[in-house]
Amino acid sequence: MKFIAIIPARYASTRFPGKPLADMGGKPMIQRVYEQVKKAVDEVWVATDDSRISDAVEAFGGKAVMTSANHKSGTDRIQEAYLRINKDFDVVINIQGDEPFIQPEQIESLKNCFDGVEVELATLVKPFRKEDGFDTLFNPNSPKVVINKKNEAIYFSRSIVPYIRDVHHTEWLDKHTFYKHIGMYAYRVDVLEKITQLPQSSLEKAESLEQLRWIENGYRIRVGYTDVETIGIDTPEDMERALGLLQL
């Protein structure tokens, strides 16, 4: 099984312009992501729409590919990047460009999902902990995942699913294991091509979660598990917190 990892990285972030190039202890953030991914995947590329990011990646010895600025999703950018790279692989892994603390074992868990020819897509989840508290579970920016007995995602939601009937919400984490979605994906190459040709679905529009388009069209998403908490960086305030962790 041949894997390639592609990291989408946009410059024009609304909440944090230039985020991939933000300094993290003497290295741009995109370099820290790249170096972490490289520990688990031999072939790693950054897909970007800005020459400043491309130049920075090549300056530290990484590989970058230019893509359109008009993509509506990271998956669409991944597909264009894969076609431009023009090499043959079995599975494409999509690693978010704002996850500098991603761990190699998390990527390995994603790779291990492809243990059978029937696996089309894969993603990663992490159990919510009781000590996280209900407010963390309630956070709509942290999508929840419902999983079947085949370790496949049934549904993703910004709401809390499932709803625990006849139990006060403060006890929900005692009564059920809820799963947090970690925004990493892996796609078989032929499936990646097909899903990027699908029109937006009603569920995707409602929740603003592109993976619902795949489920609504009958694709199966295998789930890998992790206990490692990653820290996505969406704002300058997130970066300040991340820099504190970097110094520990």
C-alpha atoms as a PDB file:
ATOM      1  CA  MET A   1       0.000   0.000   0.000  1.00  0.00           C
ATOM      2  CA  LYS A   2       1.520   3.294  -1.147  1.00  0.00           C
ATOM      3  CA  PHE A   3       0.574   6.422   0.798  1.00  0.00           C
ATOM      4  CA  ILE A   4       1.073  10.091  -0.010  1.00  0.00           C
ATOM      5  CA  ALA A   5       0.302  12.876   2.485  1.00  0.00           C
ATOM      6  CA  ILE A   6      -0.839  16.272   1.227  1.00  0.00           C
ATOM      7  CA  ILE A   7      -1.177  19.267   3.550  1.00  0.00           C
ATOM      8  CA  PRO A   8      -3.541  22.000   2.284  1.00  0.00           C
ATOM      9  CA  ALA A   9      -2.371  25.467   3.344  1.00  0.00           C
ATOM     10  CA  ARG A  10      -4.134  28.739   2.497  1.00  0.00           C
ATOM     11  CA  TYR A  11      -2.692  32.184   3.182  1.00  0.00           C
ATOM     12  CA  ALA A  12      -5.974  34.107   3.297  1.00  0.00           C
ATOM     13  CA  SER A  13      -7.416  32.814   6.562  1.00  0.00           C
ATOM     14  CA  THR A  14     -10.196  35.112   7.804  1.00  0.00           C
ATOM     15  CA  ARG A  15      -9.324  34.799  11.493  1.00  0.00           C
ATOM     16  CA  PHE A  16      -5.545  34.466  11.081  1.00  0.00           C
ATOM     17  CA  PRO A  17      -4.133  35.744   7.759  1.00  0.00           C
ATOM     18  CA  GLY A  18      -0.781  34.192   6.872  1.00  0.00           C
ATOM     19  CA  LYS A  19      -1.280  31.464   9.461  1.00  0.00           C
ATOM     20  CA  PRO A  20       0.909  28.786   7.789  1.00  0.00           C
ATOM     21  CA  LEU A  21       3.892  31.167   7.924  1.00  0.00           C
ATOM     22  CA  ALA A  22       3.396  32.222  11.560  1.00  0.00           C
ATOM     23  CA  ASP A  23       6.596  31.742  13.552  1.00  0.00           C
ATOM     24  CA  MET A  24       6.687  28.843  15.982  1.00  0.00           C
ATOM     25  CA  GLY A  25       9.964  28.787  17.843  1.00  0.00           C
ATOM     26  CA  GLY A  26      12.041  29.793  14.838  1.00  0.00           C
ATOM     27  CA  LYS A  27      10.139  27.738  12.263  1.00  0.00           C
ATOM     28  CA  PRO A  28       7.004  28.578  10.261  1.00  0.00           C
ATOM     29  CA  MET A  29       4.033  26.553  11.450  1.00  0.00           C
ATOM     30  CA  ILE A  30       3.739  24.727   8.133  1.00  0.00           C
ATOM     31  CA  GLN A  31       7.280  23.392   8.626  1.00  0.00           C
ATOM     32  CA  ARG A  32       6.389  21.944  12.018  1.00  0.00           C
ATOM     33  CA  VAL A  33       3.348  20.210  10.502  1.00  0.00           C
ATOM     34  CA  TYR A  34       5.424  18.930   7.579  1.00  0.00           C
ATOM     35  CA  GLU A  35       8.143  17.527   9.820  1.00  0.00           C
ATOM     36  CA  GLN A  36       5.618  15.692  11.999  1.00  0.00           C
ATOM     37  CA  VAL A  37       3.905  14.130   8.979  1.00  0.00           C
ATOM     38  CA  LYS A  38       7.239  13.137   7.468  1.00  0.00           C
ATOM     39  CA  LYS A  39       7.828  10.843  10.470  1.00  0.00           C
ATOM     40  CA  ALA A  40       4.949   8.620   9.304  1.00  0.00           C
ATOM     41  CA  VAL A  41       4.749   9.099   5.515  1.00  0.00           C
ATOM     42  CA  ASP A  42       7.663   9.150   3.075  1.00  0.00           C
ATOM     43  CA  GLU A  43       5.986  11.263   0.380  1.00  0.00           C
ATOM     44  CA  VAL A  44       4.730  14.589   1.771  1.00  0.00           C
ATOM     45  CA  TRP A  45       3.587  17.683  -0.138  1.00  0.00           C
ATOM     46  CA  VAL A  46       2.059  21.046   0.765  1.00  0.00           C
ATOM     47  CA  ALA A  47      -0.804  22.191  -1.486  1.00  0.00           C
ATOM     48  CA  THR A  48      -1.166  25.962  -1.468  1.00  0.00           C
ATOM     49  CA  ASP A  49      -2.608  28.864  -3.433  1.00  0.00           C
ATOM     50  CA  ASP A  50       0.072  31.359  -2.412  1.00  0.00           C
ATOM     51  CA  SER A  51       3.662  31.609  -3.627  1.00  0.00           C
ATOM     52  CA  ARG A  52       4.836  32.863  -0.214  1.00  0.00           C
ATOM     53  CA  ILE A  53       3.858  29.545   1.340  1.00  0.00           C
ATOM     54  CA  SER A  54       5.328  27.576  -1.557  1.00  0.00           C
ATOM     55  CA  ASP A  55       8.620  29.480  -1.268  1.00  0.00           C
ATOM     56  CA  ALA A  56       8.768  28.909   2.495  1.00  0.00           C
ATOM     57  CA  VAL A  57       8.187  25.163   2.099  1.00  0.00           C
ATOM     58  CA  GLU A  58      10.880  24.823  -0.547  1.00  0.00           C
ATOM     59  CA  ALA A  59      13.250  26.920   1.596  1.00  0.00           C
ATOM     60  CA  PHE A  60      13.206  24.294   4.369  1.00  0.00           C
ATOM     61  CA  GLY A  61      13.575  21.456   1.861  1.00  0.00           C
ATOM     62  CA  GLY A  62       9.932  20.461   1.557  1.00  0.00           C
ATOM     63  CA  LYS A  63       7.803  19.845  -1.522  1.00  0.00           C
ATOM     64  CA  ALA A  64       5.037  22.244  -2.531  1.00  0.00           C
ATOM     65  CA  VAL A  65       2.484  22.313  -5.327  1.00  0.00           C
ATOM     66  CA  MET A  66       0.445  25.340  -6.413  1.00  0.00           C
ATOM     67  CA  THR A  67      -3.333  24.968  -6.624  1.00  0.00           C
ATOM     68  CA  SER A  68      -6.324  27.161  -7.404  1.00  0.00           C
ATOM     69  CA  ALA A  69      -7.480  29.796  -4.926  1.00  0.00           C
ATOM     70  CA  ASN A  70     -11.120  28.994  -5.701  1.00  0.00           C
ATOM     71  CA  HIS A  71     -11.566  25.626  -3.989  1.00  0.00           C
ATOM     72  CA  LYS A  72     -14.529  25.339  -1.609  1.00  0.00           C
ATOM     73  CA  SER A  73     -12.955  22.599   0.487  1.00  0.00           C
ATOM     74  CA  GLY A  74      -9.605  21.137   1.437  1.00  0.00           C
ATOM     75  CA  THR A  75     -10.581  17.878  -0.267  1.00  0.00           C
ATOM     76  CA  ASP A  76     -11.010  19.666  -3.604  1.00  0.00           C
ATOM     77  CA  ARG A  77      -7.556  21.214  -3.156  1.00  0.00           C
ATOM     78  CA  ILE A  78      -6.122  17.785  -2.327  1.00  0.00           C
ATOM     79  CA  GLN A  79      -7.535  16.310  -5.546  1.00  0.00           C
ATOM     80  CA  GLU A  80      -6.054  19.058  -7.738  1.00  0.00           C
ATOM     81  CA  ALA A  81      -2.715  18.752  -5.941  1.00  0.00           C
ATOM     82  CA  TYR A  82      -2.617  14.979  -6.430  1.00  0.00           C
ATOM     83  CA  LEU A  83      -3.253  15.352 -10.161  1.00  0.00           C
ATOM     84  CA  ARG A  84      -0.533  17.997 -10.452  1.00  0.00           C
ATOM     85  CA  ILE A  85       1.994  15.886  -8.525  1.00  0.00           C
ATOM     86  CA  ASN A  86       1.332  13.178 -11.139  1.00  0.00           C
ATOM     87  CA  LYS A  87       2.635  10.152  -9.248  1.00  0.00           C
ATOM     88  CA  ASP A  88       0.899   6.836  -8.557  1.00  0.00           C
ATOM     89  CA  PHE A  89      -0.274   6.060  -5.029  1.00  0.00           C
ATOM     90  CA  ASP A  90      -3.020   3.929  -3.516  1.00  0.00           C
ATOM     91  CA  VAL A  91      -4.161   6.279  -0.730  1.00  0.00           C
ATOM     92  CA  VAL A  92      -4.002  10.053  -0.264  1.00  0.00           C
ATOM     93  CA  ILE A  93      -3.872  11.377   3.315  1.00  0.00           C
ATOM     94  CA  ASN A  94      -5.172  14.871   4.042  1.00  0.00           C
ATOM     95  CA  ILE A  95      -3.414  16.467   7.040  1.00  0.00           C
ATOM     96  CA  GLN A  96      -4.607  19.882   8.194  1.00  0.00           C
ATOM     97  CA  GLY A  97      -1.978  22.605   7.878  1.00  0.00           C
ATOM     98  CA  ASP A  98      -2.804  24.073  11.293  1.00  0.00           C
ATOM     99  CA  GLU A  99      -2.026  20.941  13.353  1.00  0.00           C
ATOM    100  CA  PRO A 100       1.669  21.312  14.319  1.00  0.00           C
ATOM    101  CA  PHE A 101       1.294  18.830  17.187  1.00  0.00           C
ATOM    102  CA  ILE A 102      -0.017  15.988  15.058  1.00  0.00           C
ATOM    103  CA  GLN A 103       1.612  12.737  16.167  1.00  0.00           C
ATOM    104  CA  PRO A 104       3.017  10.006  13.893  1.00  0.00           C
ATOM    105  CA  GLU A 105       0.973   7.351  15.712  1.00  0.00           C
ATOM    106  CA  GLN A 106      -2.207   9.188  14.755  1.00  0.00           C
ATOM    107  CA  ILE A 107      -1.241   9.028  11.107  1.00  0.00           C
ATOM    108  CA  GLU A 108      -0.343   5.352  11.495  1.00  0.00           C
ATOM    109  CA  SER A 109      -3.807   4.715  12.946  1.00  0.00           C
ATOM    110  CA  LEU A 110      -5.315   6.303   9.852  1.00  0.00           C
ATOM    111  CA  LYS A 111      -3.101   4.212   7.556  1.00  0.00           C
ATOM    112  CA  ASN A 112      -4.047   1.035   9.404  1.00  0.00           C
ATOM    113  CA  CYS A 113      -7.703   1.591   8.502  1.00  0.00           C
ATOM    114  CA  PHE A 114      -6.892   0.409   4.993  1.00  0.00           C
ATOM    115  CA  ASP A 115      -6.609  -3.245   5.968  1.00  0.00           C
ATOM    116  CA  GLY A 116      -9.080  -4.416   3.340  1.00  0.00           C
ATOM    117  CA  VAL A 117      -9.966  -3.614  -0.264  1.00  0.00           C
ATOM    118  CA  GLU A 118     -13.468  -2.584   0.829  1.00  0.00           C
ATOM    119  CA  VAL A 119     -12.214   0.487   2.739  1.00  0.00           C
ATOM    120  CA  GLU A 120     -12.959   3.622   0.729  1.00  0.00           C
ATOM    121  CA  LEU A 121     -12.278   6.489   3.134  1.00  0.00           C
ATOM    122  CA  ALA A 122     -10.942   6.879   6.650  1.00  0.00           C
ATOM    123  CA  THR A 123     -10.815   9.488   9.371  1.00  0.00           C
ATOM    124  CA  LEU A 124      -9.766   9.766  13.011  1.00  0.00           C
ATOM    125  CA  VAL A 125     -11.748  10.163  16.229  1.00  0.00           C
ATOM    126  CA  LYS A 126     -10.943  10.680  19.897  1.00  0.00           C
ATOM    127  CA  PRO A 127     -13.186   9.886  22.874  1.00  0.00           C
ATOM    128  CA  PHE A 128     -14.368  12.863  24.880  1.00  0.00           C
ATOM    129  CA  ARG A 129     -13.142  12.559  28.466  1.00  0.00           C
ATOM    130  CA  LYS A 130     -15.318  13.088  31.506  1.00  0.00           C
ATOM    131  CA  GLU A 131     -12.833  15.665  32.799  1.00  0.00           C
ATOM    132  CA  ASP A 132     -13.315  17.683  29.588  1.00  0.00           C
ATOM    133  CA  GLY A 133     -16.734  18.644  30.900  1.00  0.00           C
ATOM    134  CA  PHE A 134     -20.059  19.233  29.195  1.00  0.00           C
ATOM    135  CA  ASP A 135     -19.081  22.627  27.739  1.00  0.00           C
ATOM    136  CA  THR A 136     -16.380  20.940  25.652  1.00  0.00           C
ATOM    137  CA  LEU A 137     -18.871  18.349  24.436  1.00  0.00           C
ATOM    138  CA  PHE A 138     -21.385  21.100  23.617  1.00  0.00           C
ATOM    139  CA  ASN A 139     -18.877  23.124  21.543  1.00  0.00           C
ATOM    140  CA  PRO A 140     -20.242  23.251  17.936  1.00  0.00           C
ATOM    141  CA  ASN A 141     -16.712  23.797  16.595  1.00  0.00           C
ATOM    142  CA  SER A 142     -15.842  20.291  17.767  1.00  0.00           C
ATOM    143  CA  PRO A 143     -17.934  17.915  15.607  1.00  0.00           C
ATOM    144  CA  LYS A 144     -19.169  14.687  17.129  1.00  0.00           C
ATOM    145  CA  VAL A 145     -19.194  11.298  15.370  1.00  0.00           C
ATOM    146  CA  VAL A 146     -21.573   8.349  15.697  1.00  0.00           C
ATOM    147  CA  ILE A 147     -19.913   5.023  14.871  1.00  0.00           C
ATOM    148  CA  ASN A 148     -21.337   1.598  13.997  1.00  0.00           C
ATOM    149  CA  LYS A 149     -20.010  -1.825  15.010  1.00  0.00           C
ATOM    150  CA  LYS A 150     -17.933  -2.022  11.819  1.00  0.00           C
ATOM    151  CA  ASN A 151     -15.955   1.041  12.949  1.00  0.00           C
ATOM    152  CA  GLU A 152     -17.593   3.164  10.284  1.00  0.00           C
ATOM    153  CA  ALA A 153     -18.945   6.670  10.783  1.00  0.00           C
ATOM    154  CA  ILE A 154     -22.748   6.807  10.634  1.00  0.00           C
ATOM    155  CA  TYR A 155     -23.060  10.553  11.121  1.00  0.00           C
ATOM    156  CA  PHE A 156     -21.115  13.704  11.990  1.00  0.00           C
ATOM    157  CA  SER A 157     -22.756  16.625  13.757  1.00  0.00           C
ATOM    158  CA  ARG A 158     -21.982  19.917  15.449  1.00  0.00           C
ATOM    159  CA  SER A 159     -24.792  19.036  17.834  1.00  0.00           C
ATOM    160  CA  ILE A 160     -24.361  16.437  20.550  1.00  0.00           C
ATOM    161  CA  VAL A 161     -25.275  13.018  19.154  1.00  0.00           C
ATOM    162  CA  PRO A 162     -26.678  10.836  20.453  1.00  0.00           C
ATOM    163  CA  TYR A 163     -29.081  12.635  22.774  1.00  0.00           C
ATOM    164  CA  ILE A 164     -29.238  10.807  26.118  1.00  0.00           C
ATOM    165  CA  ARG A 165     -32.899  10.623  27.047  1.00  0.00           C
ATOM    166  CA  ASP A 166     -34.095  10.894  30.663  1.00  0.00           C
ATOM    167  CA  VAL A 167     -30.600  11.831  31.909  1.00  0.00           C
ATOM    168  CA  HIS A 168     -29.530  15.338  32.878  1.00  0.00           C
ATOM    169  CA  HIS A 169     -26.914  16.628  30.448  1.00  0.00           C
ATOM    170  CA  THR A 170     -24.339  16.996  33.228  1.00  0.00           C
ATOM    171  CA  GLU A 171     -24.298  13.172  33.459  1.00  0.00           C
ATOM    172  CA  TRP A 172     -24.115  12.393  29.754  1.00  0.00           C
ATOM    173  CA  LEU A 173     -20.372  11.759  29.746  1.00  0.00           C
ATOM    174  CA  ASP A 174     -20.940   9.148  32.473  1.00  0.00           C
ATOM    175  CA  LYS A 175     -23.568   7.317  30.445  1.00  0.00           C
ATOM    176  CA  HIS A 176     -22.076   7.166  26.949  1.00  0.00           C
ATOM    177  CA  THR A 177     -18.777   7.390  25.076  1.00  0.00           C
ATOM    178  CA  PHE A 178     -18.968  10.381  22.747  1.00  0.00           C
ATOM    179  CA  TYR A 179     -16.401  10.746  19.970  1.00  0.00           C
ATOM    180  CA  LYS A 180     -14.735  13.931  18.803  1.00  0.00           C
ATOM    181  CA  HIS A 181     -13.822  14.168  15.125  1.00  0.00           C
ATOM    182  CA  ILE A 182     -10.145  14.788  14.380  1.00  0.00           C
ATOM    183  CA  GLY A 183     -10.013  16.472  10.972  1.00  0.00           C
ATOM    184  CA  MET A 184      -7.691  14.080   9.180  1.00  0.00           C
ATOM    185  CA  TYR A 185      -8.863  12.092   6.157  1.00  0.00           C
ATOM    186  CA  ALA A 186      -7.504   9.383   3.908  1.00  0.00           C
ATOM    187  CA  TYR A 187      -8.982   8.477   0.542  1.00  0.00           C
ATOM    188  CA  ARG A 188      -8.378   5.755  -2.004  1.00  0.00           C
ATOM    189  CA  VAL A 189      -7.297   7.582  -5.138  1.00  0.00           C
ATOM    190  CA  ASP A 190     -10.309   6.560  -7.231  1.00  0.00           C
ATOM    191  CA  VAL A 191     -12.721   7.484  -4.433  1.00  0.00           C
ATOM    192  CA  LEU A 192     -11.096  10.910  -4.003  1.00  0.00           C
ATOM    193  CA  GLU A 193     -11.755  11.646  -7.656  1.00  0.00           C
ATOM    194  CA  LYS A 194     -15.406  10.596  -7.353  1.00  0.00           C
ATOM    195  CA  ILE A 195     -16.294  12.489  -4.176  1.00  0.00           C
ATOM    196  CA  THR A 196     -14.877  15.768  -5.477  1.00  0.00           C
ATOM    197  CA  GLN A 197     -17.318  15.551  -8.389  1.00  0.00           C
ATOM    198  CA  LEU A 198     -20.364  15.273  -6.113  1.00  0.00           C
ATOM    199  CA  PRO A 199     -22.598  18.332  -5.660  1.00  0.00           C
ATOM    200  CA  GLN A 200     -23.020  19.710  -2.168  1.00  0.00           C
ATOM    201  CA  SER A 201     -25.625  17.755  -0.227  1.00  0.00           C
ATOM    202  CA  SER A 202     -28.409  19.021   2.013  1.00  0.00           C
ATOM    203  CA  LEU A 203     -26.800  17.603   5.168  1.00  0.00           C
ATOM    204  CA  GLU A 204     -23.448  19.141   4.269  1.00  0.00           C
ATOM    205  CA  LYS A 205     -25.060  22.551   3.798  1.00  0.00           C
ATOM    206  CA  ALA A 206     -26.963  22.244   7.075  1.00  0.00           C
ATOM    207  CA  GLU A 207     -23.958  21.316   9.239  1.00  0.00           C
ATOM    208  CA  SER A 208     -21.160  22.782   7.081  1.00  0.00           C
ATOM    209  CA  LEU A 209     -19.338  19.435   7.222  1.00  0.00           C
ATOM    210  CA  GLU A 210     -18.202  18.130   3.847  1.00  0.00           C
ATOM    211  CA  GLN A 211     -17.914  14.514   5.018  1.00  0.00           C
ATOM    212  CA  LEU A 212     -21.712  14.376   5.245  1.00  0.00           C
ATOM    213  CA  ARG A 213     -21.787  14.688   1.446  1.00  0.00           C
ATOM    214  CA  TRP A 214     -19.903  11.419   1.204  1.00  0.00           C
ATOM    215  CA  ILE A 215     -22.147   9.587   3.657  1.00  0.00           C
ATOM    216  CA  GLU A 216     -25.289  10.964   2.036  1.00  0.00           C
ATOM    217  CA  ASN A 217     -24.066   9.553  -1.283  1.00  0.00           C
ATOM    218  CA  GLY A 218     -23.455   6.090   0.175  1.00  0.00           C
ATOM    219  CA  TYR A 219     -19.708   6.149   0.795  1.00  0.00           C
ATOM    220  CA  ARG A 220     -18.388   4.427   3.901  1.00  0.00           C
ATOM    221  CA  ILE A 221     -15.885   6.141   6.191  1.00  0.00           C
ATOM    222  CA  ARG A 222     -13.747   3.827   8.316  1.00  0.00           C
ATOM    223  CA  VAL A 223     -12.764   5.243  11.701  1.00  0.00           C
ATOM    224  CA  GLY A 224      -9.386   5.085  13.400  1.00  0.00           C
ATOM    225  CA  TYR A 225      -9.014   5.883  17.097  1.00  0.00           C
ATOM    226  CA  THR A 226      -6.585   8.037  19.044  1.00  0.00           C
ATOM    227  CA  ASP A 227      -6.235   9.172  22.654  1.00  0.00           C
ATOM    228  CA  VAL A 228      -3.852  11.995  21.728  1.00  0.00           C
ATOM    229  CA  GLU A 229      -5.285  15.501  21.967  1.00  0.00           C
ATOM    230  CA  THR A 230      -4.243  17.650  19.032  1.00  0.00           C
ATOM    231  CA  ILE A 231      -4.341  21.435  19.073  1.00  0.00           C
ATOM    232  CA  GLY A 232      -5.602  23.143  15.951  1.00  0.00           C
ATOM    233  CA  ILE A 233      -4.573  26.766  15.494  1.00  0.00           C
ATOM    234  CA  ASP A 234      -7.359  28.985  14.172  1.00  0.00           C
ATOM    235  CA  THR A 235      -6.524  32.347  15.764  1.00  0.00           C
ATOM    236  CA  PRO A 236      -3.510  34.317  17.040  1.00  0.00           C
ATOM    237  CA  GLU A 237      -4.713  33.469  20.557  1.00  0.00           C
ATOM    238  CA  ASP A 238      -4.480  29.748  19.718  1.00  0.00           C
ATOM    239  CA  MET A 239      -0.922  30.353  18.555  1.00  0.00           C
ATOM    240  CA  GLU A 240       0.011  31.966  21.884  1.00  0.00           C
ATOM    241  CA  ARG A 241      -1.274  28.897  23.694  1.00  0.00           C
ATOM    242  CA  ALA A 242       0.589  26.607  21.302  1.00  0.00           C
ATOM    243  CA  LEU A 243       3.849  28.476  21.834  1.00  0.00           C
ATOM    244  CA  GLY A 244       3.471  27.890  25.547  1.00  0.00           C
ATOM    245  CA  LEU A 245       3.149  24.155  24.937  1.00  0.00           C
ATOM    246  CA  LEU A 246       6.163  24.241  22.619  1.00  0.00           C
ATOM    247  CA  GLN A 247       8.301  25.511  25.481  1.00  0.00           C
ATOM    248  CA  LEU A 248       7.251  22.780  27.918  1.00  0.00           C
END
